[in-house]
Amino acid sequence: MDTNTETEGTFYFIKDGTVKIEKSGDEYEITLDCTLLTGEKLSGYFKGTPKNYDYSLKKTLKAKMSLKR
């Protein structure tokens, strides 16, 4: 699986595998080697400061209410 998502987060349902996360200051090093529910393999590596995505219901409702005004 070749995935490169720059603008939005993507959800994958992982069945099995390994995810290793190391943190040094504000920088993270993330290595993953997983099998998805579909049977596809997902592996990857990231080093740096990750983007923060907030998918909480509270934030979503607040955004919708501000659009109604």
N, C-alpha and C. Protein backbone atom coordinates (compact mmCIF):
# COMPACT_ATOMS: atom_id res chain seq x y z
N MET A 1 0.84 -1.17 0.00
CA MET A 1 0.00 0.00 0.00
C MET A 1 0.89 1.23 0.00
N ASP A 2 0.67 2.12 -0.95
CA ASP A 2 1.44 3.36 -1.06
C ASP A 2 0.54 4.51 -0.65
N THR A 3 0.84 5.15 0.46
CA THR A 3 0.00 6.23 0.98
C THR A 3 0.85 7.44 1.30
N ASN A 4 0.42 8.60 0.81
CA ASN A 4 1.08 9.85 1.12
C ASN A 4 0.00 10.91 1.27
N THR A 5 -0.43 11.15 2.48
CA THR A 5 -1.52 12.09 2.73
C THR A 5 -0.96 13.33 3.40
N GLU A 6 -1.01 14.45 2.71
CA GLU A 6 -0.43 15.69 3.22
C GLU A 6 -1.45 16.61 3.90
N THR A 7 -2.72 16.57 3.48
CA THR A 7 -3.66 17.58 3.94
C THR A 7 -4.61 17.09 5.03
N GLU A 8 -5.00 15.85 5.05
CA GLU A 8 -5.95 15.33 6.02
C GLU A 8 -5.46 14.00 6.57
N GLY A 9 -5.91 13.65 7.74
CA GLY A 9 -5.60 12.34 8.29
C GLY A 9 -6.42 11.27 7.60
N THR A 10 -5.96 10.05 7.63
CA THR A 10 -6.66 8.91 7.05
C THR A 10 -6.78 7.83 8.10
N PHE A 11 -7.93 7.20 8.19
CA PHE A 11 -8.15 6.13 9.15
C PHE A 11 -7.95 4.77 8.49
N TYR A 12 -7.22 3.89 9.17
CA TYR A 12 -7.05 2.51 8.74
C TYR A 12 -7.39 1.61 9.92
N PHE A 13 -8.05 0.51 9.65
CA PHE A 13 -8.39 -0.44 10.71
C PHE A 13 -7.34 -1.54 10.73
N ILE A 14 -6.52 -1.52 11.79
CA ILE A 14 -5.39 -2.44 11.91
C ILE A 14 -5.83 -3.70 12.64
N LYS A 15 -5.48 -4.83 12.04
CA LYS A 15 -5.80 -6.13 12.63
C LYS A 15 -4.66 -6.63 13.52
N ASP A 16 -3.43 -6.44 13.06
CA ASP A 16 -2.27 -7.00 13.76
C ASP A 16 -1.03 -6.20 13.36
N GLY A 17 -0.01 -6.25 14.19
CA GLY A 17 1.24 -5.61 13.81
C GLY A 17 1.94 -4.90 14.94
N THR A 18 2.90 -4.07 14.57
CA THR A 18 3.73 -3.37 15.53
C THR A 18 3.79 -1.89 15.18
N VAL A 19 3.62 -1.05 16.20
CA VAL A 19 3.80 0.39 16.06
C VAL A 19 4.77 0.82 17.15
N LYS A 20 5.87 1.43 16.76
CA LYS A 20 6.88 1.88 17.72
C LYS A 20 6.95 3.41 17.66
N ILE A 21 6.79 4.04 18.82
CA ILE A 21 6.81 5.49 18.91
C ILE A 21 7.87 5.93 19.91
N GLU A 22 8.77 6.79 19.46
CA GLU A 22 9.79 7.36 20.33
C GLU A 22 9.67 8.88 20.26
N LYS A 23 9.88 9.54 21.40
CA LYS A 23 9.75 11.00 21.46
C LYS A 23 11.02 11.60 22.04
N SER A 24 11.47 12.68 21.41
CA SER A 24 12.61 13.44 21.91
C SER A 24 12.27 14.91 21.75
N GLY A 25 11.96 15.58 22.86
CA GLY A 25 11.51 16.97 22.79
C GLY A 25 10.16 17.03 22.09
N ASP A 26 10.05 17.84 21.04
CA ASP A 26 8.82 17.94 20.26
C ASP A 26 8.84 17.02 19.04
N GLU A 27 9.92 16.29 18.86
CA GLU A 27 10.07 15.44 17.68
C GLU A 27 9.72 13.98 18.00
N TYR A 28 9.01 13.36 17.08
CA TYR A 28 8.62 11.96 17.21
C TYR A 28 9.27 11.13 16.11
N GLU A 29 9.53 9.88 16.44
CA GLU A 29 9.97 8.90 15.45
C GLU A 29 8.99 7.73 15.54
N ILE A 30 8.26 7.50 14.46
CA ILE A 30 7.21 6.48 14.44
C ILE A 30 7.52 5.46 13.34
N THR A 31 7.56 4.21 13.72
CA THR A 31 7.78 3.12 12.77
C THR A 31 6.61 2.15 12.90
N LEU A 32 6.02 1.76 11.76
CA LEU A 32 4.92 0.82 11.84
C LEU A 32 5.02 -0.26 10.77
N ASP A 33 4.57 -1.45 11.16
CA ASP A 33 4.53 -2.62 10.28
C ASP A 33 3.28 -3.39 10.67
N CYS A 34 2.21 -3.23 9.91
CA CYS A 34 0.90 -3.74 10.32
C CYS A 34 0.19 -4.47 9.19
N THR A 35 -0.82 -5.24 9.58
CA THR A 35 -1.74 -5.86 8.65
C THR A 35 -3.13 -5.27 8.91
N LEU A 36 -3.77 -4.79 7.85
CA LEU A 36 -5.09 -4.19 7.97
C LEU A 36 -6.16 -5.28 7.97
N LEU A 37 -7.38 -4.91 8.35
CA LEU A 37 -8.50 -5.86 8.33
C LEU A 37 -8.73 -6.42 6.93
N THR A 38 -8.35 -5.66 5.91
CA THR A 38 -8.52 -6.10 4.52
C THR A 38 -7.45 -7.11 4.10
N GLY A 39 -6.44 -7.32 4.96
CA GLY A 39 -5.35 -8.22 4.63
C GLY A 39 -4.16 -7.51 4.00
N GLU A 40 -4.32 -6.24 3.64
CA GLU A 40 -3.23 -5.48 3.05
C GLU A 40 -2.18 -5.16 4.12
N LYS A 41 -0.94 -5.01 3.69
CA LYS A 41 0.15 -4.63 4.59
C LYS A 41 0.28 -3.12 4.59
N LEU A 42 0.53 -2.57 5.75
CA LEU A 42 0.77 -1.14 5.89
C LEU A 42 2.04 -0.97 6.70
N SER A 43 3.04 -0.36 6.10
CA SER A 43 4.28 -0.09 6.83
C SER A 43 4.65 1.36 6.57
N GLY A 44 5.34 1.94 7.53
CA GLY A 44 5.72 3.33 7.35
C GLY A 44 6.70 3.81 8.38
N TYR A 45 7.20 5.00 8.12
CA TYR A 45 8.18 5.62 9.00
C TYR A 45 7.95 7.12 8.95
N PHE A 46 8.02 7.76 10.10
CA PHE A 46 7.88 9.21 10.19
C PHE A 46 8.85 9.71 11.25
N LYS A 47 9.51 10.82 10.94
CA LYS A 47 10.36 11.47 11.93
C LYS A 47 10.14 12.98 11.79
N GLY A 48 9.76 13.61 12.90
CA GLY A 48 9.52 15.05 12.88
C GLY A 48 8.42 15.40 13.86
N THR A 49 7.86 16.59 13.68
CA THR A 49 6.76 17.05 14.52
C THR A 49 5.46 16.81 13.75
N PRO A 50 4.60 15.92 14.25
CA PRO A 50 3.37 15.60 13.50
C PRO A 50 2.34 16.71 13.58
N LYS A 51 1.46 16.76 12.57
CA LYS A 51 0.32 17.68 12.59
C LYS A 51 -0.69 17.13 13.58
N ASN A 52 -1.45 18.02 14.20
CA ASN A 52 -2.46 17.60 15.17
C ASN A 52 -3.84 17.73 14.54
N TYR A 53 -4.57 16.61 14.45
CA TYR A 53 -5.94 16.60 13.93
C TYR A 53 -6.88 16.39 15.10
N ASP A 54 -7.88 17.26 15.24
CA ASP A 54 -8.87 17.13 16.31
C ASP A 54 -10.21 16.74 15.69
N TYR A 55 -10.60 15.48 15.87
CA TYR A 55 -11.85 14.97 15.33
C TYR A 55 -12.90 14.83 16.42
N SER A 56 -12.73 15.54 17.51
CA SER A 56 -13.68 15.41 18.61
C SER A 56 -15.03 16.00 18.24
N LEU A 57 -16.07 15.46 18.80
CA LEU A 57 -17.44 15.90 18.54
C LEU A 57 -17.64 17.34 18.97
N LYS A 58 -17.06 17.73 20.09
CA LYS A 58 -17.21 19.09 20.62
C LYS A 58 -16.74 20.13 19.60
N LYS A 59 -15.59 19.90 19.00
CA LYS A 59 -15.06 20.85 18.03
C LYS A 59 -15.94 20.89 16.78
N THR A 60 -16.43 19.74 16.33
CA THR A 60 -17.28 19.66 15.15
C THR A 60 -18.58 20.42 15.37
N LEU A 61 -19.21 20.23 16.53
CA LEU A 61 -20.46 20.92 16.82
C LEU A 61 -20.25 22.42 16.94
N LYS A 62 -19.14 22.84 17.53
CA LYS A 62 -18.85 24.26 17.66
C LYS A 62 -18.68 24.92 16.28
N ALA A 63 -18.02 24.23 15.38
CA ALA A 63 -17.82 24.75 14.01
C ALA A 63 -19.15 24.87 13.29
N LYS A 64 -20.02 23.88 13.42
CA LYS A 64 -21.33 23.91 12.76
C LYS A 64 -22.19 25.02 13.32
N MET A 65 -22.14 25.25 14.64
CA MET A 65 -22.95 26.29 15.24
C MET A 65 -22.48 27.68 14.79
N SER A 66 -21.19 27.86 14.62
CA SER A 66 -20.68 29.16 14.18
C SER A 66 -21.08 29.45 12.74
N LEU A 67 -21.29 28.42 11.93
CA LEU A 67 -21.73 28.62 10.55
C LEU A 67 -23.19 29.08 10.49
N LYS A 68 -23.99 28.72 11.48
CA LYS A 68 -25.42 29.07 11.49
C LYS A 68 -25.65 30.53 11.83
N ARG A 69 -24.72 31.21 12.43
CA ARG A 69 -24.89 32.59 12.87
C ARG A 69 -24.91 33.56 11.73
